[in-house]
PDB file of N, CA and C in Angstrom:
ATOM      1  N   MET A   1      62.386  60.872 117.656  1.00  0.00           N
ATOM      2  CA  MET A   1      61.714  61.954 116.961  1.00  0.00           C
ATOM      3  C   MET A   1      61.380  61.548 115.534  1.00  0.00           C
ATOM      4  N   VAL A   2      60.313  62.057 115.029  1.00  0.00           N
ATOM      5  CA  VAL A   2      59.887  61.760 113.669  1.00  0.00           C
ATOM      6  C   VAL A   2      60.905  62.303 112.668  1.00  0.00           C
ATOM      7  N   PHE A   3      61.419  63.501 112.942  1.00  0.00           N
ATOM      8  CA  PHE A   3      62.389  64.115 112.033  1.00  0.00           C
ATOM      9  C   PHE A   3      63.619  63.231 111.873  1.00  0.00           C
ATOM     10  N   ASP A   4      64.124  62.671 112.984  1.00  0.00           N
ATOM     11  CA  ASP A   4      65.297  61.792 112.926  1.00  0.00           C
ATOM     12  C   ASP A   4      65.041  60.595 112.020  1.00  0.00           C
ATOM     13  N   LYS A   5      63.863  60.002 112.150  1.00  0.00           N
ATOM     14  CA  LYS A   5      63.533  58.828 111.332  1.00  0.00           C
ATOM     15  C   LYS A   5      63.450  59.199 109.854  1.00  0.00           C
ATOM     16  N   VAL A   6      62.852  60.341 109.567  1.00  0.00           N
ATOM     17  CA  VAL A   6      62.739  60.791 108.178  1.00  0.00           C
ATOM     18  C   VAL A   6      64.130  61.075 107.615  1.00  0.00           C
ATOM     19  N   ALA A   7      64.954  61.755 108.393  1.00  0.00           N
ATOM     20  CA  ALA A   7      66.312  62.071 107.940  1.00  0.00           C
ATOM     21  C   ALA A   7      67.115  60.798 107.707  1.00  0.00           C
ATOM     22  N   ASP A   8      67.039  59.853 108.639  1.00  0.00           N
ATOM     23  CA  ASP A   8      67.749  58.578 108.477  1.00  0.00           C
ATOM     24  C   ASP A   8      67.294  57.851 107.210  1.00  0.00           C
ATOM     25  N   ARG A   9      65.999  57.834 106.976  1.00  0.00           N
ATOM     26  CA  ARG A   9      65.464  57.153 105.791  1.00  0.00           C
ATOM     27  C   ARG A   9      65.968  57.823 104.514  1.00  0.00           C
ATOM     28  N   LYS A  10      65.940  59.154 104.490  1.00  0.00           N
ATOM     29  CA  LYS A  10      66.408  59.895 103.308  1.00  0.00           C
ATOM     30  C   LYS A  10      67.890  59.628 103.053  1.00  0.00           C
ATOM     31  N   ILE A  11      68.687  59.588 104.109  1.00  0.00           N
ATOM     32  CA  ILE A  11      70.121  59.321 103.960  1.00  0.00           C
ATOM     33  C   ILE A  11      70.343  57.912 103.426  1.00  0.00           C
ATOM     34  N   ARG A  12      69.636  56.936 103.979  1.00  0.00           N
ATOM     35  CA  ARG A  12      69.767  55.549 103.498  1.00  0.00           C
ATOM     36  C   ARG A  12      69.382  55.437 102.021  1.00  0.00           C
ATOM     37  N   GLU A  13      68.301  56.110 101.630  1.00  0.00           N
ATOM     38  CA  GLU A  13      67.874  56.086 100.229  1.00  0.00           C
ATOM     39  C   GLU A  13      68.935  56.713  99.323  1.00  0.00           C
ATOM     40  N   ALA A  14      69.479  57.838  99.746  1.00  0.00           N
ATOM     41  CA  ALA A  14      70.506  58.516  98.945  1.00  0.00           C
ATOM     42  C   ALA A  14      71.751  57.648  98.813  1.00  0.00           C
ATOM     43  N   LEU A  15      72.137  56.982  99.904  1.00  0.00           N
ATOM     44  CA  LEU A  15      73.287  56.068  99.855  1.00  0.00           C
ATOM     45  C   LEU A  15      73.028  54.929  98.878  1.00  0.00           C
ATOM     46  N   ALA A  16      71.840  54.348  98.958  1.00  0.00           N
ATOM     47  CA  ALA A  16      71.491  53.228  98.085  1.00  0.00           C
ATOM     48  C   ALA A  16      71.480  53.641  96.613  1.00  0.00           C
ATOM     49  N   GLN A  17      71.114  54.884  96.337  1.00  0.00           N
ATOM     50  CA  GLN A  17      71.062  55.379  94.959  1.00  0.00           C
ATOM     51  C   GLN A  17      72.412  55.923  94.492  1.00  0.00           C
ATOM     52  N   GLY A  18      73.422  55.892  95.371  1.00  0.00           N
ATOM     53  CA  GLY A  18      74.755  56.347  94.987  1.00  0.00           C
ATOM     54  C   GLY A  18      74.919  57.855  94.919  1.00  0.00           C
ATOM     55  N   GLU A  19      74.027  58.587  95.569  1.00  0.00           N
ATOM     56  CA  GLU A  19      74.095  60.047  95.512  1.00  0.00           C
ATOM     57  C   GLU A  19      75.298  60.615  96.262  1.00  0.00           C
ATOM     58  N   PHE A  20      75.922  59.811  97.114  1.00  0.00           N
ATOM     59  CA  PHE A  20      77.094  60.282  97.847  1.00  0.00           C
ATOM     60  C   PHE A  20      78.397  59.783  97.224  1.00  0.00           C
ATOM     61  N   ASP A  21      78.283  59.051  96.116  1.00  0.00           N
ATOM     62  CA  ASP A  21      79.479  58.571  95.427  1.00  0.00           C
ATOM     63  C   ASP A  21      80.139  59.736  94.687  1.00  0.00           C
ATOM     64  N   ASN A  22      81.433  59.682  94.575  1.00  0.00           N
ATOM     65  CA  ASN A  22      82.204  60.663  93.795  1.00  0.00           C
ATOM     66  C   ASN A  22      82.060  62.099  94.295  1.00  0.00           C
ATOM     67  N   LEU A  23      81.845  62.289  95.573  1.00  0.00           N
ATOM     68  CA  LEU A  23      81.820  63.638  96.130  1.00  0.00           C
ATOM     69  C   LEU A  23      83.251  64.160  96.216  1.00  0.00           C
ATOM     70  N   PRO A  24      83.452  65.478  96.109  1.00  0.00           N
ATOM     71  CA  PRO A  24      84.805  66.018  96.245  1.00  0.00           C
ATOM     72  C   PRO A  24      85.384  65.636  97.607  1.00  0.00           C
ATOM     73  N   GLY A  25      86.613  65.176  97.609  1.00  0.00           N
ATOM     74  CA  GLY A  25      87.275  64.806  98.858  1.00  0.00           C
ATOM     75  C   GLY A  25      86.899  63.437  99.376  1.00  0.00           C
ATOM     76  N   ALA A  26      86.144  62.665  98.606  1.00  0.00           N
ATOM     77  CA  ALA A  26      85.725  61.332  99.058  1.00  0.00           C
ATOM     78  C   ALA A  26      86.945  60.472  99.353  1.00  0.00           C
ATOM     79  N   GLY A  27      86.921  59.802 100.487  1.00  0.00           N
ATOM     80  CA  GLY A  27      88.007  58.909 100.870  1.00  0.00           C
ATOM     81  C   GLY A  27      89.199  59.609 101.483  1.00  0.00           C
ATOM     82  N   LYS A  28      89.141  60.927 101.587  1.00  0.00           N
ATOM     83  CA  LYS A  28      90.255  61.691 102.164  1.00  0.00           C
ATOM     84  C   LYS A  28      89.855  62.160 103.562  1.00  0.00           C
ATOM     85  N   PRO A  29      90.854  62.299 104.446  1.00  0.00           N
ATOM     86  CA  PRO A  29      90.508  62.807 105.778  1.00  0.00           C
ATOM     87  C   PRO A  29      90.046  64.263 105.695  1.00  0.00           C
ATOM     88  N   ILE A  30      89.191  64.639 106.605  1.00  0.00           N
ATOM     89  CA  ILE A  30      88.708  66.017 106.657  1.00  0.00           C
ATOM     90  C   ILE A  30      89.815  66.882 107.244  1.00  0.00           C
ATOM     91  N   ASP A  31      90.158  67.969 106.544  1.00  0.00           N
ATOM     92  CA  ASP A  31      91.206  68.877 107.000  1.00  0.00           C
ATOM     93  C   ASP A  31      90.573  69.954 107.884  1.00  0.00           C
ATOM     94  N   LEU A  32      90.824  69.858 109.174  1.00  0.00           N
ATOM     95  CA  LEU A  32      90.256  70.824 110.126  1.00  0.00           C
ATOM     96  C   LEU A  32      91.273  71.867 110.570  1.00  0.00           C
ATOM     97  N   GLU A  33      92.439  71.885 109.929  1.00  0.00           N
ATOM     98  CA  GLU A  33      93.495  72.816 110.334  1.00  0.00           C
ATOM     99  C   GLU A  33      93.022  74.267 110.260  1.00  0.00           C
ATOM    100  N   GLU A  34      92.410  74.651 109.137  1.00  0.00           N
ATOM    101  CA  GLU A  34      91.925  76.026 108.995  1.00  0.00           C
ATOM    102  C   GLU A  34      90.847  76.334 110.030  1.00  0.00           C
ATOM    103  N   TYR A  35      90.000  75.361 110.292  1.00  0.00           N
ATOM    104  CA  TYR A  35      88.933  75.553 111.278  1.00  0.00           C
ATOM    105  C   TYR A  35      89.522  75.927 112.631  1.00  0.00           C
ATOM    106  N   PHE A  36      90.540  75.192 113.074  1.00  0.00           N
ATOM    107  CA  PHE A  36      91.111  75.450 114.390  1.00  0.00           C
ATOM    108  C   PHE A  36      92.048  76.650 114.401  1.00  0.00           C
ATOM    109  N   LYS A  37      92.489  77.115 113.235  1.00  0.00           N
ATOM    110  CA  LYS A  37      93.270  78.358 113.165  1.00  0.00           C
ATOM    111  C   LYS A  37      92.363  79.572 113.346  1.00  0.00           C
ATOM    112  N   THR A  38      91.094  79.401 113.013  1.00  0.00           N
ATOM    113  CA  THR A  38      90.134  80.494 113.132  1.00  0.00           C
ATOM    114  C   THR A  38      89.823  80.732 114.603  1.00  0.00           C
ATOM    115  N   PRO A  39      89.821  82.009 115.046  1.00  0.00           N
ATOM    116  CA  PRO A  39      89.469  82.280 116.444  1.00  0.00           C
ATOM    117  C   PRO A  39      88.115  81.655 116.789  1.00  0.00           C
ATOM    118  N   GLU A  40      88.024  81.138 117.994  1.00  0.00           N
ATOM    119  CA  GLU A  40      86.843  80.378 118.406  1.00  0.00           C
ATOM    120  C   GLU A  40      85.539  81.141 118.189  1.00  0.00           C
ATOM    121  N   HIS A  41      85.550  82.439 118.479  1.00  0.00           N
ATOM    122  CA  HIS A  41      84.313  83.209 118.376  1.00  0.00           C
ATOM    123  C   HIS A  41      83.891  83.462 116.922  1.00  0.00           C
ATOM    124  N   LEU A  42      84.766  83.147 115.948  1.00  0.00           N
ATOM    125  CA  LEU A  42      84.436  83.356 114.539  1.00  0.00           C
ATOM    126  C   LEU A  42      84.191  82.058 113.773  1.00  0.00           C
ATOM    127  N   ARG A  43      84.407  80.923 114.408  1.00  0.00           N
ATOM    128  CA  ARG A  43      84.336  79.641 113.696  1.00  0.00           C
ATOM    129  C   ARG A  43      82.969  79.384 113.069  1.00  0.00           C
ATOM    130  N   MET A  44      81.922  79.587 113.824  1.00  0.00           N
ATOM    131  CA  MET A  44      80.572  79.323 113.310  1.00  0.00           C
ATOM    132  C   MET A  44      80.279  80.234 112.119  1.00  0.00           C
ATOM    133  N   VAL A  45      80.573  81.516 112.271  1.00  0.00           N
ATOM    134  CA  VAL A  45      80.308  82.477 111.199  1.00  0.00           C
ATOM    135  C   VAL A  45      81.085  82.101 109.945  1.00  0.00           C
ATOM    136  N   HIS A  46      82.369  81.794 110.104  1.00  0.00           N
ATOM    137  CA  HIS A  46      83.189  81.449 108.941  1.00  0.00           C
ATOM    138  C   HIS A  46      82.713  80.157 108.288  1.00  0.00           C
ATOM    139  N   SER A  47      82.285  79.191 109.087  1.00  0.00           N
ATOM    140  CA  SER A  47      81.767  77.942 108.518  1.00  0.00           C
ATOM    141  C   SER A  47      80.512  78.199 107.688  1.00  0.00           C
ATOM    142  N   ILE A  48      79.630  79.030 108.205  1.00  0.00           N
ATOM    143  CA  ILE A  48      78.395  79.351 107.481  1.00  0.00           C
ATOM    144  C   ILE A  48      78.714  80.103 106.195  1.00  0.00           C
ATOM    145  N   LEU A  49      79.607  81.095 106.292  1.00  0.00           N
ATOM    146  CA  LEU A  49      79.982  81.859 105.102  1.00  0.00           C
ATOM    147  C   LEU A  49      80.633  80.966 104.051  1.00  0.00           C
ATOM    148  N   LYS A  50      81.510  80.072 104.498  1.00  0.00           N
ATOM    149  CA  LYS A  50      82.186  79.170 103.564  1.00  0.00           C
ATOM    150  C   LYS A  50      81.176  78.256 102.876  1.00  0.00           C
ATOM    151  N   SER A  51      80.231  77.732 103.631  1.00  0.00           N
ATOM    152  CA  SER A  51      79.208  76.857 103.051  1.00  0.00           C
ATOM    153  C   SER A  51      78.354  77.597 102.028  1.00  0.00           C
ATOM    154  N   ALA A  52      78.166  78.892 102.241  1.00  0.00           N
ATOM    155  CA  ALA A  52      77.353  79.703 101.334  1.00  0.00           C
ATOM    156  C   ALA A  52      78.192  80.344 100.229  1.00  0.00           C
ATOM    157  N   ASN A  53      79.476  79.940 100.145  1.00  0.00           N
ATOM    158  CA  ASN A  53      80.404  80.508  99.163  1.00  0.00           C
ATOM    159  C   ASN A  53      80.513  82.024  99.285  1.00  0.00           C
ATOM    160  N   CYS A  54      80.456  82.523 100.511  1.00  0.00           N
ATOM    161  CA  CYS A  54      80.637  83.942 100.788  1.00  0.00           C
ATOM    162  C   CYS A  54      82.001  84.130 101.440  1.00  0.00           C
ATOM    163  N   LEU A  55      82.600  85.275 101.184  1.00  0.00           N
ATOM    164  CA  LEU A  55      83.899  85.558 101.779  1.00  0.00           C
ATOM    165  C   LEU A  55      83.735  86.438 103.006  1.00  0.00           C
ATOM    166  N   PRO A  56      84.572  86.228 104.028  1.00  0.00           N
ATOM    167  CA  PRO A  56      84.559  87.145 105.167  1.00  0.00           C
ATOM    168  C   PRO A  56      84.955  88.550 104.708  1.00  0.00           C
ATOM    169  N   GLN A  57      84.536  89.545 105.450  1.00  0.00           N
ATOM    170  CA  GLN A  57      84.809  90.937 105.108  1.00  0.00           C
ATOM    171  C   GLN A  57      86.300  91.172 104.892  1.00  0.00           C
ATOM    172  N   GLU A  58      87.138  90.573 105.737  1.00  0.00           N
ATOM    173  CA  GLU A  58      88.580  90.786 105.623  1.00  0.00           C
ATOM    174  C   GLU A  58      89.102  90.305 104.268  1.00  0.00           C
ATOM    175  N   VAL A  59      88.630  89.158 103.814  1.00  0.00           N
ATOM    176  CA  VAL A  59      89.088  88.609 102.530  1.00  0.00           C
ATOM    177  C   VAL A  59      88.590  89.476 101.379  1.00  0.00           C
ATOM    178  N   GLU A  60      87.348  89.927 101.459  1.00  0.00           N
ATOM    179  CA  GLU A  60      86.826  90.811 100.413  1.00  0.00           C
ATOM    180  C   GLU A  60      87.641  92.097 100.339  1.00  0.00           C
ATOM    181  N   LEU A  61      88.009  92.646 101.501  1.00  0.00           N
ATOM    182  CA  LEU A  61      88.819  93.864 101.515  1.00  0.00           C
ATOM    183  C   LEU A  61      90.206  93.611 100.936  1.00  0.00           C
ATOM    184  N   ILE A  62      90.816  92.487 101.276  1.00  0.00           N
ATOM    185  CA  ILE A  62      92.137  92.148 100.728  1.00  0.00           C
ATOM    186  C   ILE A  62      92.053  92.053  99.206  1.00  0.00           C
ATOM    187  N   ASN A  63      91.016  91.410  98.699  1.00  0.00           N
ATOM    188  CA  ASN A  63      90.843  91.295  97.245  1.00  0.00           C
ATOM    189  C   ASN A  63      90.631  92.658  96.600  1.00  0.00           C
ATOM    190  N   GLU A  64      89.831  93.506  97.243  1.00  0.00           N
ATOM    191  CA  GLU A  64      89.587  94.839  96.689  1.00  0.00           C
ATOM    192  C   GLU A  64      90.863  95.673  96.701  1.00  0.00           C
ATOM    193  N   ILE A  65      91.643  95.573  97.766  1.00  0.00           N
ATOM    194  CA  ILE A  65      92.909  96.313  97.843  1.00  0.00           C
ATOM    195  C   ILE A  65      93.846  95.874  96.719  1.00  0.00           C
ATOM    196  N   ALA A  66      93.919  94.582  96.463  1.00  0.00           N
ATOM    197  CA  ALA A  66      94.766  94.080  95.371  1.00  0.00           C
ATOM    198  C   ALA A  66      94.286  94.623  94.026  1.00  0.00           C
ATOM    199  N   ARG A  67      92.971  94.640  93.834  1.00  0.00           N
ATOM    200  CA  ARG A  67      92.417  95.170  92.580  1.00  0.00           C
ATOM    201  C   ARG A  67      92.735  96.656  92.433  1.00  0.00           C
ATOM    202  N   LEU A  68      92.585  97.416  93.519  1.00  0.00           N
ATOM    203  CA  LEU A  68      92.884  98.848  93.480  1.00  0.00           C
ATOM    204  C   LEU A  68      94.371  99.105  93.254  1.00  0.00           C
ATOM    205  N   ASP A  69      95.232  98.284  93.846  1.00  0.00           N
ATOM    206  CA  ASP A  69      96.679  98.413  93.612  1.00  0.00           C
ATOM    207  C   ASP A  69      97.003  98.240  92.129  1.00  0.00           C
ATOM    208  N   ARG A  70      96.379  97.241  91.504  1.00  0.00           N
ATOM    209  CA  ARG A  70      96.615  97.018  90.066  1.00  0.00           C
ATOM    210  C   ARG A  70      96.097  98.199  89.250  1.00  0.00           C
ATOM    211  N   ALA A  71      94.922  98.709  89.622  1.00  0.00           N
ATOM    212  CA  ALA A  71      94.351  99.850  88.904  1.00  0.00           C
ATOM    213  C   ALA A  71      95.246 101.073  89.054  1.00  0.00           C
ATOM    214  N   LEU A  72      95.795 101.277  90.238  1.00  0.00           N
ATOM    215  CA  LEU A  72      96.693 102.409  90.471  1.00  0.00           C
ATOM    216  C   LEU A  72      97.958 102.275  89.632  1.00  0.00           C
ATOM    217  N   ALA A  73      98.493 101.069  89.544  1.00  0.00           N
ATOM    218  CA  ALA A  73      99.702 100.847  88.742  1.00  0.00           C
ATOM    219  C   ALA A  73      99.442 101.123  87.262  1.00  0.00           C
ATOM    220  N   ASP A  74      98.228 100.865  86.808  1.00  0.00           N
ATOM    221  CA  ASP A  74      97.888 101.059  85.391  1.00  0.00           C
ATOM    222  C   ASP A  74      97.414 102.472  85.074  1.00  0.00           C
ATOM    223  N   ALA A  75      97.001 103.225  86.085  1.00  0.00           N
ATOM    224  CA  ALA A  75      96.415 104.548  85.852  1.00  0.00           C
ATOM    225  C   ALA A  75      97.482 105.549  85.415  1.00  0.00           C
ATOM    226  N   THR A  76      97.113 106.395  84.458  1.00  0.00           N
ATOM    227  CA  THR A  76      98.039 107.434  83.983  1.00  0.00           C
ATOM    228  C   THR A  76      97.533 108.831  84.327  1.00  0.00           C
ATOM    229  N   ASP A  77      96.238 108.986  84.442  1.00  0.00           N
ATOM    230  CA  ASP A  77      95.648 110.283  84.773  1.00  0.00           C
ATOM    231  C   ASP A  77      95.868 110.581  86.256  1.00  0.00           C
ATOM    232  N   GLU A  78      96.413 111.751  86.562  1.00  0.00           N
ATOM    233  CA  GLU A  78      96.751 112.081  87.949  1.00  0.00           C
ATOM    234  C   GLU A  78      95.513 112.213  88.836  1.00  0.00           C
ATOM    235  N   THR A  79      94.413 112.698  88.297  1.00  0.00           N
ATOM    236  CA  THR A  79      93.177 112.792  89.078  1.00  0.00           C
ATOM    237  C   THR A  79      92.684 111.399  89.452  1.00  0.00           C
ATOM    238  N   GLU A  80      92.726 110.488  88.487  1.00  0.00           N
ATOM    239  CA  GLU A  80      92.314 109.106  88.747  1.00  0.00           C
ATOM    240  C   GLU A  80      93.242 108.456  89.770  1.00  0.00           C
ATOM    241  N   ARG A  81      94.540 108.718  89.643  1.00  0.00           N
ATOM    242  CA  ARG A  81      95.514 108.149  90.584  1.00  0.00           C
ATOM    243  C   ARG A  81      95.250 108.659  92.005  1.00  0.00           C
ATOM    244  N   ALA A  82      94.928 109.951  92.136  1.00  0.00           N
ATOM    245  CA  ALA A  82      94.646 110.523  93.457  1.00  0.00           C
ATOM    246  C   ALA A  82      93.396 109.881  94.059  1.00  0.00           C
ATOM    247  N   THR A  83      92.375 109.689  93.234  1.00  0.00           N
ATOM    248  CA  THR A  83      91.144 109.043  93.706  1.00  0.00           C
ATOM    249  C   THR A  83      91.431 107.613  94.150  1.00  0.00           C
ATOM    250  N   LEU A  84      92.216 106.890  93.360  1.00  0.00           N
ATOM    251  CA  LEU A  84      92.566 105.510  93.711  1.00  0.00           C
ATOM    252  C   LEU A  84      93.372 105.457  95.007  1.00  0.00           C
ATOM    253  N   ARG A  85      94.300 106.404  95.190  1.00  0.00           N
ATOM    254  CA  ARG A  85      95.097 106.426  96.429  1.00  0.00           C
ATOM    255  C   ARG A  85      94.210 106.663  97.649  1.00  0.00           C
ATOM    256  N   ARG A  86      93.245 107.584  97.526  1.00  0.00           N
ATOM    257  CA  ARG A  86      92.317 107.839  98.646  1.00  0.00           C
ATOM    258  C   ARG A  86      91.475 106.602  98.942  1.00  0.00           C
ATOM    259  N   THR A  87      90.964 105.978  97.895  1.00  0.00           N
ATOM    260  CA  THR A  87      90.151 104.774  98.075  1.00  0.00           C
ATOM    261  C   THR A  87      90.975 103.659  98.702  1.00  0.00           C
ATOM    262  N   LEU A  88      92.227 103.504  98.234  1.00  0.00           N
ATOM    263  CA  LEU A  88      93.117 102.495  98.809  1.00  0.00           C
ATOM    264  C   LEU A  88      93.354 102.753 100.291  1.00  0.00           C
ATOM    265  N   ALA A  89      93.597 104.002 100.640  1.00  0.00           N
ATOM    266  CA  ALA A  89      93.825 104.340 102.050  1.00  0.00           C
ATOM    267  C   ALA A  89      92.591 104.001 102.884  1.00  0.00           C
ATOM    268  N   ASP A  90      91.409 104.305 102.353  1.00  0.00           N
ATOM    269  CA  ASP A  90      90.161 103.982 103.062  1.00  0.00           C
ATOM    270  C   ASP A  90      90.013 102.476 103.260  1.00  0.00           C
ATOM    271  N   ARG A  91      90.253 101.701 102.196  1.00  0.00           N
ATOM    272  CA  ARG A  91      90.106 100.244 102.293  1.00  0.00           C
ATOM    273  C   ARG A  91      91.135  99.643 103.239  1.00  0.00           C
ATOM    274  N   ARG A  92      92.352 100.174 103.227  1.00  0.00           N
ATOM    275  CA  ARG A  92      93.378  99.659 104.145  1.00  0.00           C
ATOM    276  C   ARG A  92      93.000  99.952 105.594  1.00  0.00           C
ATOM    277  N   THR A  93      92.404 101.118 105.831  1.00  0.00           N
ATOM    278  CA  THR A  93      91.932 101.443 107.180  1.00  0.00           C
ATOM    279  C   THR A  93      90.803 100.495 107.582  1.00  0.00           C
ATOM    280  N   GLU A  94      89.861 100.260 106.670  1.00  0.00           N
ATOM    281  CA  GLU A  94      88.767  99.318 106.950  1.00  0.00           C
ATOM    282  C   GLU A  94      89.313  97.932 107.269  1.00  0.00           C
ATOM    283  N   LEU A  95      90.325  97.499 106.506  1.00  0.00           N
ATOM    284  CA  LEU A  95      90.921  96.184 106.740  1.00  0.00           C
ATOM    285  C   LEU A  95      91.589  96.138 108.108  1.00  0.00           C
ATOM    286  N   SER A  96      92.326  97.176 108.454  1.00  0.00           N
ATOM    287  CA  SER A  96      92.978  97.209 109.772  1.00  0.00           C
ATOM    288  C   SER A  96      91.954  97.120 110.893  1.00  0.00           C
ATOM    289  N   LEU A  97      90.863  97.863 110.752  1.00  0.00           N
ATOM    290  CA  LEU A  97      89.811  97.825 111.773  1.00  0.00           C
ATOM    291  C   LEU A  97      89.152  96.450 111.839  1.00  0.00           C
ATOM    292  N   ALA A  98      88.897  95.848 110.690  1.00  0.00           N
ATOM    293  CA  ALA A  98      88.269  94.519 110.666  1.00  0.00           C
ATOM    294  C   ALA A  98      89.180  93.485 111.311  1.00  0.00           C
ATOM    295  N   LEU A  99      90.474  93.554 111.018  1.00  0.00           N
ATOM    296  CA  LEU A  99      91.422  92.611 111.616  1.00  0.00           C
ATOM    297  C   LEU A  99      91.538  92.833 113.123  1.00  0.00           C
ATOM    298  N   GLU A 100      91.507  94.085 113.540  1.00  0.00           N
ATOM    299  CA  GLU A 100      91.570  94.390 114.975  1.00  0.00           C
ATOM    300  C   GLU A 100      90.325  93.860 115.687  1.00  0.00           C
ATOM    301  N   ARG A 101      89.156  94.027 115.079  1.00  0.00           N
ATOM    302  CA  ARG A 101      87.921  93.489 115.665  1.00  0.00           C
ATOM    303  C   ARG A 101      87.993  91.974 115.775  1.00  0.00           C
ATOM    304  N   ALA A 102      88.578  91.338 114.779  1.00  0.00           N
ATOM    305  CA  ALA A 102      88.686  89.875 114.806  1.00  0.00           C
ATOM    306  C   ALA A 102      89.626  89.414 115.919  1.00  0.00           C
ATOM    307  N   ARG A 103      90.671  90.183 116.174  1.00  0.00           N
ATOM    308  CA  ARG A 103      91.627  89.820 117.234  1.00  0.00           C
ATOM    309  C   ARG A 103      91.065  90.080 118.625  1.00  0.00           C
ATOM    310  N   HIS A 104      90.225  91.084 118.741  1.00  0.00           N
ATOM    311  CA  HIS A 104      89.693  91.486 120.048  1.00  0.00           C
ATOM    312  C   HIS A 104      88.171  91.575 119.975  1.00  0.00           C
ATOM    313  N   PRO A 105      87.498  90.441 120.142  1.00  0.00           N
ATOM    314  CA  PRO A 105      86.038  90.455 120.028  1.00  0.00           C
ATOM    315  C   PRO A 105      85.414  91.324 121.120  1.00  0.00           C
ATOM    316  N   PRO A 106      84.244  91.885 120.839  1.00  0.00           N
ATOM    317  CA  PRO A 106      83.583  92.745 121.813  1.00  0.00           C
ATOM    318  C   PRO A 106      82.940  91.974 122.963  1.00  0.00           C
ATOM    319  N   PHE A 107      83.027  90.660 122.929  1.00  0.00           N
ATOM    320  CA  PHE A 107      82.431  89.838 123.975  1.00  0.00           C
ATOM    321  C   PHE A 107      83.404  88.719 124.303  1.00  0.00           C
ATOM    322  N   PRO A 108      83.358  88.198 125.527  1.00  0.00           N
ATOM    323  CA  PRO A 108      84.275  87.108 125.880  1.00  0.00           C
ATOM    324  C   PRO A 108      83.887  85.820 125.165  1.00  0.00           C
ATOM    325  N   PRO A 109      84.871  84.960 124.877  1.00  0.00           N
ATOM    326  CA  PRO A 109      84.546  83.672 124.253  1.00  0.00           C
ATOM    327  C   PRO A 109      83.630  82.851 125.158  1.00  0.00           C
ATOM    328  N   LEU A 110      82.844  81.990 124.550  1.00  0.00           N
ATOM    329  CA  LEU A 110      81.949  81.124 125.317  1.00  0.00           C
ATOM    330  C   LEU A 110      82.761  80.110 126.103  1.00  0.00           C
ATOM    331  N   LEU A 111      82.297  79.808 127.286  1.00  0.00           N
ATOM    332  CA  LEU A 111      82.976  78.802 128.101  1.00  0.00           C
ATOM    333  C   LEU A 111      82.613  77.417 127.599  1.00  0.00           C
ATOM    334  N   PRO A 112      83.554  76.464 127.703  1.00  0.00           N
ATOM    335  CA  PRO A 112      83.250  75.106 127.228  1.00  0.00           C
ATOM    336  C   PRO A 112      82.181  74.436 128.055  1.00  0.00           C
TER     337      PRO A 112
END
């Protein structure tokens, strides 16, 4: 294919110009432990999100819950505390549902 030849040429040129020198993790084995810990049906999605520096919904919810917990600990106004408690309860429910969906996908895993 023409695309393969163009890609090969571009890679060879980049190698010759040292564009792949000093990359993070250079010379180290690739750690695939996290990849294989991820449920099979989520691996592609998580890889794409990671490459795009995006967090999965579950991680975003965990971070938001931690932020809300800190805000609740610092809050002195009872109305604000009540609002934070309701929001925390909502986020914890969302997290539970997201984790449950991840454990039990709505479709069977693909066959090898």
